[in-house]
Amino acid sequence: MDIENMNIFQLEEYLKELKGELAKLDKRRPKNEASEDFEDWADEHEELEDVIDDVCDRIDEIAQNTP
């Protein structure tokens, strides 16, 4: 998604969706941290956290520029 062109309300909804996806992903965490499945899960988890951080940063940016 192009978060640069989203308004704050769209960003907040998108953030809720992303946090829901992260919660689902957390429930699927492989038990064996030495497995390839865990590595794949960790990569996906990190990517999702990065997107969440980007959305939060964009929300903050908009909030700071709103009188």
N, C-alpha and C. Protein backbone atom coordinates (compact mmCIF):
# COMPACT_ATOMS: atom_id res chain seq x y z
N MET A 1 0.83 -1.18 0.00
CA MET A 1 0.00 0.00 0.00
C MET A 1 0.88 1.25 0.00
N ASP A 2 0.36 2.29 -0.58
CA ASP A 2 1.08 3.55 -0.65
C ASP A 2 0.67 4.43 0.53
N ILE A 3 1.38 4.28 1.63
CA ILE A 3 0.99 4.99 2.85
C ILE A 3 1.20 6.50 2.74
N GLU A 4 2.00 6.93 1.79
CA GLU A 4 2.23 8.37 1.61
C GLU A 4 0.97 9.08 1.13
N ASN A 5 0.09 8.36 0.45
CA ASN A 5 -1.13 8.97 -0.09
C ASN A 5 -2.38 8.67 0.74
N MET A 6 -2.18 8.08 1.90
CA MET A 6 -3.31 7.77 2.77
C MET A 6 -3.51 8.88 3.78
N ASN A 7 -4.77 9.12 4.15
CA ASN A 7 -5.02 10.10 5.21
C ASN A 7 -4.89 9.40 6.56
N ILE A 8 -4.96 10.17 7.62
CA ILE A 8 -4.71 9.61 8.95
C ILE A 8 -5.73 8.54 9.33
N PHE A 9 -6.96 8.70 8.88
CA PHE A 9 -7.99 7.70 9.20
C PHE A 9 -7.72 6.38 8.48
N GLN A 10 -7.31 6.47 7.23
CA GLN A 10 -6.95 5.27 6.48
C GLN A 10 -5.74 4.59 7.10
N LEU A 11 -4.78 5.39 7.52
CA LEU A 11 -3.58 4.84 8.15
C LEU A 11 -3.91 4.13 9.45
N GLU A 12 -4.79 4.72 10.24
CA GLU A 12 -5.16 4.08 11.51
C GLU A 12 -5.88 2.76 11.28
N GLU A 13 -6.73 2.69 10.26
CA GLU A 13 -7.42 1.44 9.93
C GLU A 13 -6.42 0.39 9.43
N TYR A 14 -5.50 0.84 8.60
CA TYR A 14 -4.48 -0.06 8.08
C TYR A 14 -3.61 -0.58 9.23
N LEU A 15 -3.29 0.28 10.17
CA LEU A 15 -2.50 -0.11 11.33
C LEU A 15 -3.22 -1.19 12.14
N LYS A 16 -4.52 -1.04 12.33
CA LYS A 16 -5.31 -2.06 13.04
C LYS A 16 -5.22 -3.40 12.32
N GLU A 17 -5.34 -3.36 10.98
CA GLU A 17 -5.25 -4.59 10.20
C GLU A 17 -3.88 -5.24 10.37
N LEU A 18 -2.84 -4.43 10.28
CA LEU A 18 -1.48 -4.95 10.41
C LEU A 18 -1.24 -5.56 11.79
N LYS A 19 -1.73 -4.91 12.82
CA LYS A 19 -1.56 -5.44 14.18
C LYS A 19 -2.33 -6.76 14.34
N GLY A 20 -3.47 -6.87 13.68
CA GLY A 20 -4.21 -8.13 13.69
C GLY A 20 -3.43 -9.24 13.00
N GLU A 21 -2.81 -8.91 11.87
CA GLU A 21 -1.98 -9.88 11.16
C GLU A 21 -0.80 -10.31 12.02
N LEU A 22 -0.21 -9.35 12.73
CA LEU A 22 0.93 -9.66 13.59
C LEU A 22 0.51 -10.59 14.73
N ALA A 23 -0.65 -10.37 15.29
CA ALA A 23 -1.15 -11.24 16.36
C ALA A 23 -1.36 -12.66 15.84
N LYS A 24 -1.92 -12.78 14.65
CA LYS A 24 -2.11 -14.11 14.05
C LYS A 24 -0.76 -14.78 13.80
N LEU A 25 0.18 -14.00 13.32
CA LEU A 25 1.51 -14.53 13.04
C LEU A 25 2.18 -14.99 14.34
N ASP A 26 2.02 -14.22 15.40
CA ASP A 26 2.61 -14.60 16.69
C ASP A 26 2.07 -15.95 17.18
N LYS A 27 0.82 -16.22 16.89
CA LYS A 27 0.22 -17.50 17.31
C LYS A 27 0.80 -18.68 16.53
N ARG A 28 1.36 -18.40 15.37
CA ARG A 28 1.93 -19.46 14.52
C ARG A 28 3.44 -19.62 14.72
N ARG A 29 3.98 -18.99 15.74
CA ARG A 29 5.43 -19.04 15.97
C ARG A 29 5.89 -20.49 16.16
N PRO A 30 6.84 -20.92 15.34
CA PRO A 30 7.38 -22.27 15.50
C PRO A 30 8.11 -22.42 16.83
N LYS A 31 7.98 -23.58 17.41
CA LYS A 31 8.62 -23.84 18.71
C LYS A 31 10.13 -24.02 18.58
N ASN A 32 10.55 -24.63 17.50
CA ASN A 32 11.97 -24.91 17.30
C ASN A 32 12.65 -23.70 16.66
N GLU A 33 13.37 -22.94 17.48
CA GLU A 33 14.01 -21.72 16.98
C GLU A 33 15.20 -22.00 16.07
N ALA A 34 15.62 -23.23 15.99
CA ALA A 34 16.74 -23.60 15.12
C ALA A 34 16.26 -24.10 13.76
N SER A 35 14.96 -24.11 13.55
CA SER A 35 14.42 -24.66 12.31
C SER A 35 14.34 -23.61 11.20
N GLU A 36 14.24 -24.11 9.98
CA GLU A 36 14.06 -23.22 8.83
C GLU A 36 12.69 -22.55 8.90
N ASP A 37 11.70 -23.26 9.42
CA ASP A 37 10.37 -22.68 9.59
C ASP A 37 10.43 -21.45 10.48
N PHE A 38 11.24 -21.53 11.55
CA PHE A 38 11.37 -20.39 12.45
C PHE A 38 12.04 -19.22 11.73
N GLU A 39 13.06 -19.50 10.93
CA GLU A 39 13.74 -18.44 10.19
C GLU A 39 12.77 -17.74 9.25
N ASP A 40 11.95 -18.52 8.55
CA ASP A 40 10.95 -17.95 7.64
C ASP A 40 9.94 -17.11 8.42
N TRP A 41 9.50 -17.63 9.56
CA TRP A 41 8.55 -16.92 10.41
C TRP A 41 9.17 -15.60 10.90
N ALA A 42 10.41 -15.66 11.34
CA ALA A 42 11.10 -14.48 11.86
C ALA A 42 11.25 -13.41 10.78
N ASP A 43 11.56 -13.83 9.56
CA ASP A 43 11.67 -12.88 8.45
C ASP A 43 10.33 -12.20 8.19
N GLU A 44 9.27 -12.99 8.15
CA GLU A 44 7.93 -12.45 7.93
C GLU A 44 7.54 -11.50 9.06
N HIS A 45 7.86 -11.90 10.28
CA HIS A 45 7.54 -11.10 11.47
C HIS A 45 8.27 -9.75 11.40
N GLU A 46 9.54 -9.79 11.05
CA GLU A 46 10.33 -8.57 10.97
C GLU A 46 9.81 -7.64 9.87
N GLU A 47 9.45 -8.20 8.74
CA GLU A 47 8.90 -7.39 7.64
C GLU A 47 7.60 -6.71 8.06
N LEU A 48 6.75 -7.44 8.74
CA LEU A 48 5.48 -6.88 9.19
C LEU A 48 5.70 -5.79 10.24
N GLU A 49 6.64 -6.02 11.14
CA GLU A 49 6.97 -4.98 12.13
C GLU A 49 7.52 -3.73 11.46
N ASP A 50 8.29 -3.90 10.39
CA ASP A 50 8.83 -2.75 9.66
C ASP A 50 7.70 -1.93 9.02
N VAL A 51 6.72 -2.61 8.46
CA VAL A 51 5.58 -1.92 7.86
C VAL A 51 4.80 -1.17 8.94
N ILE A 52 4.60 -1.83 10.08
CA ILE A 52 3.90 -1.19 11.20
C ILE A 52 4.66 0.06 11.64
N ASP A 53 5.97 -0.03 11.74
CA ASP A 53 6.77 1.14 12.12
C ASP A 53 6.62 2.27 11.10
N ASP A 54 6.62 1.91 9.82
CA ASP A 54 6.46 2.92 8.77
C ASP A 54 5.11 3.62 8.88
N VAL A 55 4.07 2.85 9.13
CA VAL A 55 2.72 3.43 9.25
C VAL A 55 2.66 4.33 10.48
N CYS A 56 3.22 3.88 11.59
CA CYS A 56 3.24 4.71 12.81
C CYS A 56 4.01 6.01 12.58
N ASP A 57 5.13 5.91 11.89
CA ASP A 57 5.91 7.11 11.58
C ASP A 57 5.11 8.07 10.72
N ARG A 58 4.39 7.54 9.75
CA ARG A 58 3.58 8.39 8.86
C ARG A 58 2.44 9.05 9.64
N ILE A 59 1.81 8.32 10.54
CA ILE A 59 0.75 8.88 11.39
C ILE A 59 1.33 10.03 12.22
N ASP A 60 2.50 9.81 12.82
CA ASP A 60 3.14 10.85 13.62
C ASP A 60 3.48 12.07 12.78
N GLU A 61 3.95 11.82 11.56
CA GLU A 61 4.30 12.92 10.66
C GLU A 61 3.08 13.77 10.34
N ILE A 62 1.97 13.12 10.04
CA ILE A 62 0.73 13.84 9.74
C ILE A 62 0.24 14.60 10.97
N ALA A 63 0.29 13.95 12.12
CA ALA A 63 -0.18 14.57 13.36
C ALA A 63 0.64 15.83 13.70
N GLN A 64 1.94 15.77 13.45
CA GLN A 64 2.80 16.91 13.76
C GLN A 64 2.56 18.08 12.80
N ASN A 65 2.09 17.78 11.61
CA ASN A 65 1.86 18.82 10.61
C ASN A 65 0.42 19.30 10.58
N THR A 66 -0.40 18.80 11.50
CA THR A 66 -1.80 19.22 11.56
C THR A 66 -1.95 20.23 12.70
N PRO A 67 -2.49 21.40 12.34
CA PRO A 67 -2.64 22.43 13.38
C PRO A 67 -3.66 22.06 14.43
